[in-house]
N, C-alpha and C. Protein backbone atom coordinates (compact mmCIF):
# COMPACT_ATOMS: atom_id res chain seq x y z
N MET A 1 105.49 99.36 97.07
CA MET A 1 106.52 99.75 96.13
C MET A 1 107.56 98.63 96.02
N ILE A 2 108.32 98.66 94.94
CA ILE A 2 109.32 97.64 94.66
C ILE A 2 110.70 98.26 94.63
N SER A 3 111.67 97.58 95.25
CA SER A 3 113.06 98.01 95.20
C SER A 3 113.90 96.91 94.55
N LEU A 4 114.88 97.30 93.76
CA LEU A 4 115.80 96.38 93.12
C LEU A 4 117.15 96.50 93.80
N LEU A 5 117.67 95.38 94.30
CA LEU A 5 118.94 95.40 95.03
C LEU A 5 120.06 94.84 94.16
N SER A 6 121.22 95.44 94.26
CA SER A 6 122.41 94.97 93.56
C SER A 6 122.99 93.78 94.32
N PRO A 7 123.97 93.06 93.73
CA PRO A 7 124.60 91.95 94.46
C PRO A 7 125.21 92.37 95.80
N SER A 8 125.58 93.64 95.93
CA SER A 8 126.16 94.10 97.18
C SER A 8 125.10 94.45 98.22
N GLY A 9 123.83 94.48 97.79
CA GLY A 9 122.74 94.77 98.71
C GLY A 9 122.26 96.20 98.68
N SER A 10 122.89 97.05 97.88
CA SER A 10 122.44 98.44 97.78
C SER A 10 121.28 98.53 96.79
N ALA A 11 120.43 99.54 96.98
CA ALA A 11 119.26 99.72 96.12
C ALA A 11 119.67 100.33 94.79
N VAL A 12 119.43 99.61 93.69
CA VAL A 12 119.76 100.11 92.36
C VAL A 12 118.96 101.36 92.05
N ASN A 13 117.70 101.39 92.49
CA ASN A 13 116.85 102.55 92.22
C ASN A 13 116.91 103.59 93.33
N GLY A 14 117.93 103.49 94.15
CA GLY A 14 118.13 104.51 95.17
C GLY A 14 117.00 104.58 96.17
N SER A 15 116.67 105.79 96.58
CA SER A 15 115.63 105.97 97.59
C SER A 15 114.23 106.02 96.98
N THR A 16 114.14 105.99 95.65
CA THR A 16 112.85 106.06 94.98
C THR A 16 112.43 104.67 94.52
N ALA A 17 111.55 104.04 95.26
CA ALA A 17 111.08 102.71 94.89
C ALA A 17 110.13 102.80 93.70
N TRP A 18 110.06 101.73 92.93
CA TRP A 18 109.20 101.71 91.74
C TRP A 18 107.79 101.26 92.08
N GLY A 19 106.84 101.73 91.27
CA GLY A 19 105.47 101.26 91.39
C GLY A 19 104.58 102.08 92.30
N LEU A 20 105.03 103.25 92.73
CA LEU A 20 104.22 104.08 93.61
C LEU A 20 102.88 104.39 92.94
N GLY A 21 101.80 104.06 93.62
CA GLY A 21 100.47 104.31 93.09
C GLY A 21 99.99 103.27 92.10
N GLN A 22 100.83 102.29 91.78
CA GLN A 22 100.45 101.28 90.79
C GLN A 22 100.47 99.85 91.36
N LEU A 23 100.66 99.76 92.66
CA LEU A 23 100.61 98.48 93.34
C LEU A 23 99.53 98.52 94.40
N ALA A 24 98.97 97.34 94.71
CA ALA A 24 97.89 97.27 95.70
C ALA A 24 98.08 96.03 96.55
N LEU A 25 98.68 96.22 97.72
CA LEU A 25 99.06 95.13 98.60
C LEU A 25 99.88 94.09 97.83
N PRO A 26 101.07 94.47 97.38
CA PRO A 26 101.92 93.54 96.62
C PRO A 26 102.48 92.45 97.53
N VAL A 27 102.05 91.21 97.32
CA VAL A 27 102.41 90.13 98.24
C VAL A 27 103.37 89.12 97.63
N ALA A 28 103.60 89.17 96.33
CA ALA A 28 104.51 88.21 95.69
C ALA A 28 105.08 88.83 94.43
N VAL A 29 106.28 88.36 94.06
CA VAL A 29 106.94 88.87 92.85
C VAL A 29 107.68 87.72 92.18
N ALA A 30 107.69 87.74 90.85
CA ALA A 30 108.46 86.76 90.07
C ALA A 30 109.22 87.51 88.99
N VAL A 31 110.37 86.99 88.61
CA VAL A 31 111.23 87.63 87.61
C VAL A 31 111.31 86.73 86.39
N ASP A 32 111.15 87.32 85.19
CA ASP A 32 111.21 86.53 83.96
C ASP A 32 112.64 86.49 83.40
N ALA A 33 112.80 85.85 82.25
CA ALA A 33 114.14 85.67 81.66
C ALA A 33 114.77 86.98 81.21
N SER A 34 113.94 88.01 81.03
CA SER A 34 114.46 89.33 80.63
C SER A 34 114.64 90.26 81.82
N HIS A 35 114.54 89.71 83.01
CA HIS A 35 114.73 90.44 84.27
C HIS A 35 113.61 91.44 84.58
N ASN A 36 112.46 91.26 83.94
CA ASN A 36 111.30 92.06 84.29
C ASN A 36 110.62 91.45 85.50
N ALA A 37 109.99 92.28 86.32
CA ALA A 37 109.30 91.81 87.52
C ALA A 37 107.80 91.77 87.28
N TRP A 38 107.17 90.76 87.82
CA TRP A 38 105.72 90.60 87.78
C TRP A 38 105.24 90.53 89.22
N VAL A 39 104.35 91.44 89.59
CA VAL A 39 103.96 91.60 91.00
C VAL A 39 102.48 91.26 91.18
N ALA A 40 102.19 90.45 92.19
CA ALA A 40 100.80 90.09 92.52
C ALA A 40 100.21 91.13 93.46
N ASN A 41 99.11 91.74 93.05
CA ASN A 41 98.41 92.75 93.86
C ASN A 41 97.19 92.10 94.51
N GLN A 42 97.31 91.73 95.78
CA GLN A 42 96.24 90.95 96.40
C GLN A 42 94.96 91.73 96.64
N SER A 43 95.05 93.05 96.81
CA SER A 43 93.83 93.81 97.09
C SER A 43 93.23 94.45 95.85
N SER A 44 93.56 93.92 94.67
CA SER A 44 92.96 94.43 93.43
C SER A 44 92.73 93.29 92.47
N SER A 45 92.33 93.61 91.27
CA SER A 45 92.10 92.60 90.22
C SER A 45 93.24 92.60 89.22
N THR A 46 94.43 93.02 89.65
CA THR A 46 95.53 93.20 88.71
C THR A 46 96.82 92.52 89.18
N ILE A 47 97.73 92.39 88.20
CA ILE A 47 99.14 92.20 88.48
C ILE A 47 99.87 93.37 87.82
N THR A 48 101.08 93.65 88.27
CA THR A 48 101.83 94.78 87.72
C THR A 48 103.12 94.27 87.09
N HIS A 49 103.40 94.74 85.88
CA HIS A 49 104.61 94.39 85.14
C HIS A 49 105.57 95.57 85.20
N ILE A 50 106.79 95.33 85.71
CA ILE A 50 107.79 96.38 85.83
C ILE A 50 109.01 95.97 85.01
N SER A 51 109.43 96.81 84.07
CA SER A 51 110.58 96.49 83.24
C SER A 51 111.85 96.45 84.08
N ALA A 52 112.90 95.84 83.53
CA ALA A 52 114.13 95.60 84.28
C ALA A 52 114.78 96.88 84.79
N ASP A 53 114.57 98.00 84.08
CA ASP A 53 115.17 99.26 84.52
C ASP A 53 114.16 100.18 85.19
N GLY A 54 112.93 99.70 85.36
CA GLY A 54 111.91 100.48 86.04
C GLY A 54 111.29 101.58 85.19
N SER A 55 111.66 101.62 83.90
CA SER A 55 111.17 102.71 83.05
C SER A 55 109.74 102.49 82.57
N LYS A 56 109.29 101.25 82.58
CA LYS A 56 107.94 100.93 82.12
C LYS A 56 107.21 100.13 83.19
N ILE A 57 106.05 100.62 83.57
CA ILE A 57 105.23 99.95 84.58
C ILE A 57 103.80 99.86 84.04
N ALA A 58 103.26 98.66 84.03
CA ALA A 58 101.91 98.47 83.48
C ALA A 58 101.10 97.56 84.39
N GLN A 59 99.84 97.93 84.60
CA GLN A 59 98.92 97.09 85.34
C GLN A 59 98.11 96.26 84.35
N ILE A 60 97.90 94.99 84.69
CA ILE A 60 97.16 94.08 83.83
C ILE A 60 95.98 93.54 84.61
N SER A 61 94.77 93.76 84.12
CA SER A 61 93.56 93.25 84.77
C SER A 61 93.37 91.80 84.36
N CYS A 62 93.47 90.92 85.34
CA CYS A 62 93.44 89.49 85.00
C CYS A 62 92.93 88.61 86.12
N CYS A 63 92.80 89.18 87.32
CA CYS A 63 92.82 88.31 88.48
C CYS A 63 91.77 88.72 89.52
N ASN A 64 91.78 87.99 90.63
CA ASN A 64 90.87 88.29 91.72
C ASN A 64 91.57 88.01 93.04
N GLY A 65 92.32 88.99 93.50
CA GLY A 65 93.09 88.82 94.72
C GLY A 65 94.34 88.01 94.49
N ALA A 66 95.17 88.46 93.54
CA ALA A 66 96.40 87.74 93.21
C ALA A 66 97.29 87.59 94.45
N SER A 67 97.60 86.35 94.81
CA SER A 67 98.41 86.11 96.00
C SER A 67 99.73 85.43 95.70
N GLY A 68 99.83 84.80 94.54
CA GLY A 68 101.06 84.15 94.12
C GLY A 68 101.26 84.35 92.65
N VAL A 69 102.53 84.39 92.21
CA VAL A 69 102.83 84.60 90.80
C VAL A 69 104.10 83.83 90.46
N ALA A 70 104.12 83.21 89.27
CA ALA A 70 105.28 82.46 88.81
C ALA A 70 105.36 82.57 87.29
N VAL A 71 106.58 82.52 86.77
CA VAL A 71 106.82 82.59 85.33
C VAL A 71 107.27 81.22 84.83
N ASP A 72 106.67 80.75 83.74
CA ASP A 72 107.05 79.43 83.22
C ASP A 72 108.15 79.53 82.17
N GLN A 73 108.50 78.39 81.59
CA GLN A 73 109.61 78.33 80.65
C GLN A 73 109.35 79.11 79.38
N GLY A 74 108.09 79.33 79.04
CA GLY A 74 107.75 80.10 77.84
C GLY A 74 107.55 81.58 78.10
N GLY A 75 107.78 82.01 79.33
CA GLY A 75 107.62 83.42 79.68
C GLY A 75 106.21 83.78 80.08
N ASN A 76 105.31 82.80 80.13
CA ASN A 76 103.94 83.07 80.56
C ASN A 76 103.89 83.19 82.08
N VAL A 77 103.00 84.05 82.56
CA VAL A 77 102.89 84.34 83.98
C VAL A 77 101.63 83.67 84.53
N TRP A 78 101.81 82.89 85.60
CA TRP A 78 100.69 82.20 86.24
C TRP A 78 100.40 82.85 87.59
N VAL A 79 99.12 83.03 87.87
CA VAL A 79 98.69 83.75 89.06
C VAL A 79 97.72 82.91 89.88
N ALA A 80 97.94 82.85 91.18
CA ALA A 80 97.00 82.23 92.11
C ALA A 80 96.06 83.31 92.62
N ASN A 81 94.77 83.15 92.36
CA ASN A 81 93.76 84.14 92.75
C ASN A 81 93.09 83.72 94.06
N TYR A 82 93.52 84.33 95.15
CA TYR A 82 93.04 83.93 96.47
C TYR A 82 91.54 84.13 96.62
N PHE A 83 91.04 85.30 96.30
CA PHE A 83 89.62 85.59 96.52
C PHE A 83 88.74 84.90 95.49
N GLY A 84 89.25 84.68 94.31
CA GLY A 84 88.45 84.04 93.27
C GLY A 84 88.48 82.53 93.30
N SER A 85 89.39 81.93 94.10
CA SER A 85 89.59 80.48 94.11
C SER A 85 89.81 79.96 92.70
N THR A 86 90.69 80.64 91.97
CA THR A 86 90.97 80.31 90.58
C THR A 86 92.45 80.57 90.29
N ILE A 87 92.86 80.25 89.06
CA ILE A 87 94.17 80.65 88.57
C ILE A 87 93.99 81.42 87.27
N SER A 88 95.00 82.22 86.92
CA SER A 88 95.01 82.96 85.67
C SER A 88 96.35 82.77 84.98
N GLU A 89 96.36 82.97 83.67
CA GLU A 89 97.59 82.92 82.88
C GLU A 89 97.67 84.16 82.00
N VAL A 90 98.84 84.80 82.00
CA VAL A 90 99.08 86.01 81.22
C VAL A 90 100.33 85.80 80.37
N SER A 91 100.29 86.22 79.11
CA SER A 91 101.45 86.04 78.25
C SER A 91 102.56 87.03 78.62
N SER A 92 103.74 86.82 78.09
CA SER A 92 104.87 87.71 78.36
C SER A 92 104.61 89.12 77.85
N ALA A 93 103.69 89.24 76.89
CA ALA A 93 103.33 90.55 76.34
C ALA A 93 102.20 91.21 77.12
N GLY A 94 101.66 90.51 78.13
CA GLY A 94 100.59 91.09 78.95
C GLY A 94 99.19 90.72 78.52
N ALA A 95 99.04 89.82 77.53
CA ALA A 95 97.71 89.39 77.12
C ALA A 95 97.17 88.35 78.08
N VAL A 96 95.91 88.48 78.46
CA VAL A 96 95.29 87.52 79.38
C VAL A 96 94.90 86.28 78.59
N LEU A 97 95.51 85.14 78.92
CA LEU A 97 95.25 83.88 78.22
C LEU A 97 94.20 83.05 78.94
N LEU A 98 94.22 83.07 80.25
CA LEU A 98 93.22 82.38 81.09
C LEU A 98 92.84 83.30 82.22
N ASN A 99 91.57 83.38 82.52
CA ASN A 99 91.12 84.21 83.63
C ASN A 99 90.03 83.48 84.40
N GLY A 100 90.28 83.19 85.66
CA GLY A 100 89.26 82.53 86.48
C GLY A 100 89.14 81.05 86.23
N LYS A 101 90.28 80.37 85.99
CA LYS A 101 90.24 78.92 85.75
C LYS A 101 90.04 78.18 87.07
N THR A 102 89.06 77.30 87.10
CA THR A 102 88.75 76.53 88.30
C THR A 102 89.06 75.05 88.05
N GLY A 103 88.73 74.23 89.05
CA GLY A 103 88.91 72.79 88.92
C GLY A 103 90.14 72.31 89.66
N GLY A 104 90.27 71.00 89.74
CA GLY A 104 91.44 70.40 90.37
C GLY A 104 91.53 70.63 91.86
N GLY A 105 90.43 71.05 92.48
CA GLY A 105 90.42 71.27 93.92
C GLY A 105 90.94 72.63 94.36
N VAL A 106 91.14 73.54 93.41
CA VAL A 106 91.67 74.85 93.79
C VAL A 106 90.70 75.57 94.72
N ASP A 107 91.23 76.07 95.85
CA ASP A 107 90.38 76.68 96.89
C ASP A 107 91.20 77.73 97.63
N HIS A 108 90.94 79.00 97.34
CA HIS A 108 91.70 80.09 97.94
C HIS A 108 93.21 79.84 97.84
N PRO A 109 93.72 79.76 96.60
CA PRO A 109 95.14 79.46 96.40
C PRO A 109 96.02 80.61 96.89
N GLN A 110 97.08 80.24 97.59
CA GLN A 110 97.98 81.24 98.17
C GLN A 110 99.27 81.39 97.36
N ALA A 111 99.76 80.31 96.78
CA ALA A 111 101.04 80.37 96.07
C ALA A 111 100.97 79.50 94.83
N VAL A 112 101.90 79.75 93.90
CA VAL A 112 101.97 78.98 92.66
C VAL A 112 103.43 78.75 92.32
N ALA A 113 103.72 77.55 91.77
CA ALA A 113 105.08 77.21 91.35
C ALA A 113 105.01 76.41 90.05
N ILE A 114 106.07 76.48 89.26
CA ILE A 114 106.16 75.76 87.99
C ILE A 114 107.26 74.72 88.12
N ASP A 115 106.98 73.48 87.69
CA ASP A 115 108.03 72.46 87.77
C ASP A 115 108.79 72.35 86.46
N GLY A 116 109.74 71.41 86.40
CA GLY A 116 110.61 71.30 85.24
C GLY A 116 109.90 70.88 83.97
N ALA A 117 108.71 70.30 84.08
CA ALA A 117 107.93 69.90 82.92
C ALA A 117 106.93 70.98 82.51
N GLY A 118 106.93 72.10 83.23
CA GLY A 118 106.02 73.20 82.92
C GLY A 118 104.67 73.09 83.59
N ARG A 119 104.47 72.07 84.42
CA ARG A 119 103.19 71.94 85.11
C ARG A 119 103.07 72.98 86.22
N VAL A 120 101.83 73.36 86.49
CA VAL A 120 101.54 74.44 87.44
C VAL A 120 101.02 73.83 88.74
N TRP A 121 101.65 74.21 89.86
CA TRP A 121 101.27 73.71 91.18
C TRP A 121 100.78 74.86 92.05
N VAL A 122 99.73 74.61 92.80
CA VAL A 122 99.09 75.65 93.61
C VAL A 122 98.86 75.12 95.02
N SER A 123 99.13 75.95 96.03
CA SER A 123 98.80 75.60 97.42
C SER A 123 97.46 76.22 97.77
N ASN A 124 96.56 75.38 98.28
CA ASN A 124 95.20 75.81 98.61
C ASN A 124 95.09 76.11 100.11
N PHE A 125 95.06 77.40 100.44
CA PHE A 125 95.13 77.86 101.82
C PHE A 125 93.96 77.35 102.65
N HIS A 126 92.75 77.43 102.12
CA HIS A 126 91.57 77.02 102.90
C HIS A 126 91.41 75.51 102.95
N ALA A 127 91.61 74.84 101.82
CA ALA A 127 91.34 73.41 101.75
C ALA A 127 92.45 72.57 102.37
N GLY A 128 93.64 73.12 102.51
CA GLY A 128 94.76 72.34 103.03
C GLY A 128 95.21 71.28 102.04
N THR A 129 95.22 71.63 100.76
CA THR A 129 95.59 70.69 99.70
C THR A 129 96.45 71.39 98.65
N LEU A 130 96.85 70.61 97.64
CA LEU A 130 97.54 71.15 96.47
C LEU A 130 96.70 70.89 95.24
N SER A 131 96.88 71.73 94.22
CA SER A 131 96.24 71.50 92.92
C SER A 131 97.32 71.51 91.84
N GLU A 132 97.09 70.72 90.80
CA GLU A 132 98.03 70.62 89.68
C GLU A 132 97.29 70.92 88.38
N PHE A 133 97.93 71.72 87.52
CA PHE A 133 97.34 72.09 86.23
C PHE A 133 98.35 71.88 85.11
N ALA A 134 97.84 71.58 83.91
CA ALA A 134 98.69 71.50 82.73
C ALA A 134 99.23 72.88 82.41
N GLY A 135 100.48 72.94 81.99
CA GLY A 135 101.11 74.22 81.68
C GLY A 135 100.86 74.68 80.26
N SER A 136 101.51 75.76 79.90
CA SER A 136 101.30 76.38 78.59
C SER A 136 101.87 75.53 77.45
N ASN A 137 102.71 74.55 77.77
CA ASN A 137 103.28 73.69 76.73
C ASN A 137 102.40 72.48 76.44
N SER A 138 101.26 72.39 77.09
CA SER A 138 100.34 71.27 76.88
C SER A 138 99.32 71.60 75.79
N ALA A 139 98.56 70.59 75.39
CA ALA A 139 97.55 70.80 74.35
C ALA A 139 96.50 71.79 74.79
N VAL A 140 96.08 71.73 76.04
CA VAL A 140 95.08 72.65 76.57
C VAL A 140 95.64 73.22 77.88
N SER A 141 96.16 74.42 77.79
CA SER A 141 96.76 75.08 78.95
C SER A 141 95.74 75.27 80.07
N GLY A 142 96.16 74.98 81.30
CA GLY A 142 95.28 75.18 82.44
C GLY A 142 94.33 74.05 82.75
N THR A 143 94.46 72.92 82.04
CA THR A 143 93.60 71.76 82.33
C THR A 143 93.93 71.21 83.71
N PRO A 144 92.94 71.02 84.58
CA PRO A 144 93.22 70.44 85.91
C PRO A 144 93.75 69.01 85.79
N LEU A 145 94.83 68.70 86.50
CA LEU A 145 95.40 67.36 86.51
C LEU A 145 95.19 66.67 87.85
N SER A 146 94.83 67.43 88.85
CA SER A 146 94.55 66.87 90.17
C SER A 146 93.06 66.58 90.29
N PRO A 147 92.67 65.70 91.22
CA PRO A 147 91.24 65.39 91.40
C PRO A 147 90.47 66.58 91.96
N ALA A 148 89.16 66.45 91.96
CA ALA A 148 88.29 67.54 92.41
C ALA A 148 88.51 67.90 93.87
N THR A 149 89.07 66.97 94.64
CA THR A 149 89.35 67.25 96.04
C THR A 149 90.77 67.76 96.25
N GLY A 150 91.54 67.88 95.18
CA GLY A 150 92.93 68.30 95.30
C GLY A 150 93.84 67.14 95.66
N LEU A 151 95.11 67.43 95.86
CA LEU A 151 96.10 66.43 96.23
C LEU A 151 96.57 66.65 97.67
N GLY A 152 97.00 65.58 98.30
CA GLY A 152 97.54 65.70 99.66
C GLY A 152 96.50 65.78 100.74
N THR A 153 95.32 65.22 100.49
CA THR A 153 94.25 65.31 101.49
C THR A 153 94.60 64.57 102.77
N ASP A 154 95.53 63.61 102.69
CA ASP A 154 95.91 62.84 103.87
C ASP A 154 97.21 63.35 104.50
N ALA A 155 97.73 64.47 104.00
CA ALA A 155 99.03 64.97 104.47
C ALA A 155 98.90 65.93 105.65
N GLN A 156 97.68 66.25 106.02
CA GLN A 156 97.42 67.15 107.15
C GLN A 156 98.14 68.50 106.98
N LEU A 157 98.04 69.04 105.76
CA LEU A 157 98.59 70.37 105.54
C LEU A 157 97.78 71.39 106.33
N GLY A 158 98.45 72.37 106.89
CA GLY A 158 97.78 73.38 107.68
C GLY A 158 97.89 74.75 107.06
N SER A 159 96.83 75.18 106.37
CA SER A 159 96.85 76.48 105.68
C SER A 159 98.13 76.64 104.87
N PRO A 160 98.35 75.77 103.87
CA PRO A 160 99.59 75.81 103.09
C PRO A 160 99.78 77.17 102.44
N PHE A 161 100.96 77.72 102.61
CA PHE A 161 101.20 79.10 102.20
C PHE A 161 102.12 79.20 100.99
N ALA A 162 103.38 78.81 101.16
CA ALA A 162 104.34 78.89 100.05
C ALA A 162 104.72 77.49 99.60
N LEU A 163 105.19 77.36 98.35
CA LEU A 163 105.64 76.07 97.87
C LEU A 163 106.77 76.26 96.86
N ALA A 164 107.62 75.24 96.75
CA ALA A 164 108.76 75.29 95.84
C ALA A 164 109.11 73.88 95.42
N VAL A 165 109.68 73.76 94.21
CA VAL A 165 110.11 72.47 93.66
C VAL A 165 111.63 72.44 93.68
N ASP A 166 112.22 71.30 94.09
CA ASP A 166 113.67 71.21 94.14
C ASP A 166 114.23 70.38 92.97
N ALA A 167 115.53 70.16 92.99
CA ALA A 167 116.22 69.50 91.89
C ALA A 167 115.93 68.01 91.80
N SER A 168 115.26 67.45 92.79
CA SER A 168 114.86 66.04 92.75
C SER A 168 113.38 65.88 92.44
N GLY A 169 112.69 66.98 92.22
CA GLY A 169 111.26 66.92 91.95
C GLY A 169 110.42 66.84 93.21
N ASN A 170 111.04 67.08 94.36
CA ASN A 170 110.27 67.13 95.60
C ASN A 170 109.55 68.46 95.70
N LEU A 171 108.34 68.44 96.21
CA LEU A 171 107.54 69.65 96.35
C LEU A 171 107.47 70.02 97.82
N TRP A 172 108.01 71.18 98.17
CA TRP A 172 108.08 71.65 99.55
C TRP A 172 106.95 72.65 99.81
N VAL A 173 106.26 72.49 100.94
CA VAL A 173 105.11 73.31 101.28
C VAL A 173 105.25 73.80 102.72
N THR A 174 105.00 75.08 102.95
CA THR A 174 105.01 75.61 104.32
C THR A 174 103.59 75.59 104.89
N ASN A 175 103.48 75.23 106.15
CA ASN A 175 102.19 75.20 106.86
C ASN A 175 102.13 76.38 107.81
N SER A 176 101.18 77.29 107.57
CA SER A 176 101.17 78.56 108.29
C SER A 176 100.09 78.65 109.36
N ASN A 177 99.50 77.54 109.74
CA ASN A 177 98.35 77.58 110.66
C ASN A 177 98.74 77.59 112.13
N GLY A 178 99.97 77.87 112.43
CA GLY A 178 100.41 77.87 113.81
C GLY A 178 101.33 76.72 114.13
N ALA A 179 101.29 75.68 113.28
CA ALA A 179 102.18 74.53 113.50
C ALA A 179 103.62 74.89 113.17
N ASN A 180 103.78 75.85 112.27
CA ASN A 180 105.12 76.29 111.86
C ASN A 180 105.97 75.12 111.38
N THR A 181 105.43 74.37 110.43
CA THR A 181 106.12 73.20 109.91
C THR A 181 106.23 73.28 108.39
N VAL A 182 107.00 72.35 107.84
CA VAL A 182 107.16 72.22 106.40
C VAL A 182 106.85 70.78 106.02
N THR A 183 106.11 70.59 104.93
CA THR A 183 105.79 69.26 104.42
C THR A 183 106.46 69.09 103.06
N VAL A 184 107.02 67.90 102.82
CA VAL A 184 107.63 67.63 101.52
C VAL A 184 106.96 66.43 100.89
N PHE A 185 106.58 66.58 99.62
CA PHE A 185 106.00 65.50 98.83
C PHE A 185 107.12 64.96 97.94
N ILE A 186 107.60 63.77 98.23
CA ILE A 186 108.77 63.21 97.55
C ILE A 186 108.44 62.86 96.10
N GLY A 187 109.16 63.49 95.18
CA GLY A 187 109.06 63.16 93.76
C GLY A 187 107.73 63.45 93.11
N LEU A 188 106.92 64.29 93.70
CA LEU A 188 105.59 64.56 93.15
C LEU A 188 105.65 65.39 91.87
N ALA A 189 106.63 66.29 91.78
CA ALA A 189 106.75 67.17 90.62
C ALA A 189 107.95 66.77 89.76
N SER A 190 108.13 67.46 88.65
CA SER A 190 109.30 67.23 87.80
C SER A 190 110.45 68.12 88.30
N PRO A 191 111.67 67.58 88.34
CA PRO A 191 112.81 68.32 88.90
C PRO A 191 113.03 69.68 88.25
N VAL A 192 113.51 70.62 89.05
CA VAL A 192 113.83 71.97 88.60
C VAL A 192 115.26 72.29 88.99
N LYS A 193 116.00 72.90 88.09
CA LYS A 193 117.37 73.30 88.38
C LYS A 193 117.36 74.35 89.48
N THR A 194 118.15 74.13 90.51
CA THR A 194 118.24 75.08 91.61
C THR A 194 119.69 75.52 91.78
N PRO A 195 119.93 76.76 92.26
CA PRO A 195 118.91 77.73 92.66
C PRO A 195 118.12 78.25 91.47
N LEU A 196 116.89 78.64 91.74
CA LEU A 196 115.98 79.09 90.70
C LEU A 196 116.26 80.54 90.37
N LEU A 197 116.74 80.79 89.16
CA LEU A 197 117.01 82.15 88.69
C LEU A 197 116.16 82.39 87.45
N GLY A 198 115.10 83.18 87.61
CA GLY A 198 114.20 83.39 86.49
C GLY A 198 113.29 82.18 86.31
N PRO A 199 112.81 81.94 85.08
CA PRO A 199 111.90 80.81 84.83
C PRO A 199 112.56 79.48 85.17
N PRO A 200 111.77 78.47 85.57
CA PRO A 200 112.33 77.17 85.93
C PRO A 200 112.97 76.47 84.75
N GLN A 201 114.04 75.71 85.04
CA GLN A 201 114.73 74.93 84.03
C GLN A 201 114.88 73.51 84.54
N SER A 202 114.86 72.55 83.62
CA SER A 202 115.15 71.17 84.00
C SER A 202 116.63 71.04 84.32
N PRO A 203 116.99 70.19 85.29
CA PRO A 203 118.40 70.04 85.68
C PRO A 203 119.26 69.53 84.51
């Protein structure tokens, strides 16, 4: 279930969390420019869209073990499909634009992030690499930009889990294999205005 907290930390929706019966192992959430939530359901083939006031909840069949979710500058939702070793793209209206996109070294992706240029970055949990894809503002959305082996093969990433882009275009990656470390790729991505509130913006 999902809870919405006010700036003071109290639950806006009180003791009744949203999404009961409509979520399946929700492991990630992203918020769009209209304050709607998009939730990754890792144990199903869906993501869940929850309106800003919780009055509308919809499941969208698009994915295969959604483990990461991010919203781009155009309001499109990008999903990392852990079990499918693919990515998906869904429009702000819930239409599936890409389903099961492979390439670029994507291998059991755990997280997804959007940089200031709209490019899509994915952390590959099994391969210990990153993958890069063209965003929705490109001529062909979802085109792999990274090599077939992925990026960062010499960085000794350990089961990379989460990733984020900072205001200098550095890409930060957490290593969850027991090393409990963080790796930073200097200037690899396009800068993003931080703190990140809603879709990414250029500084």
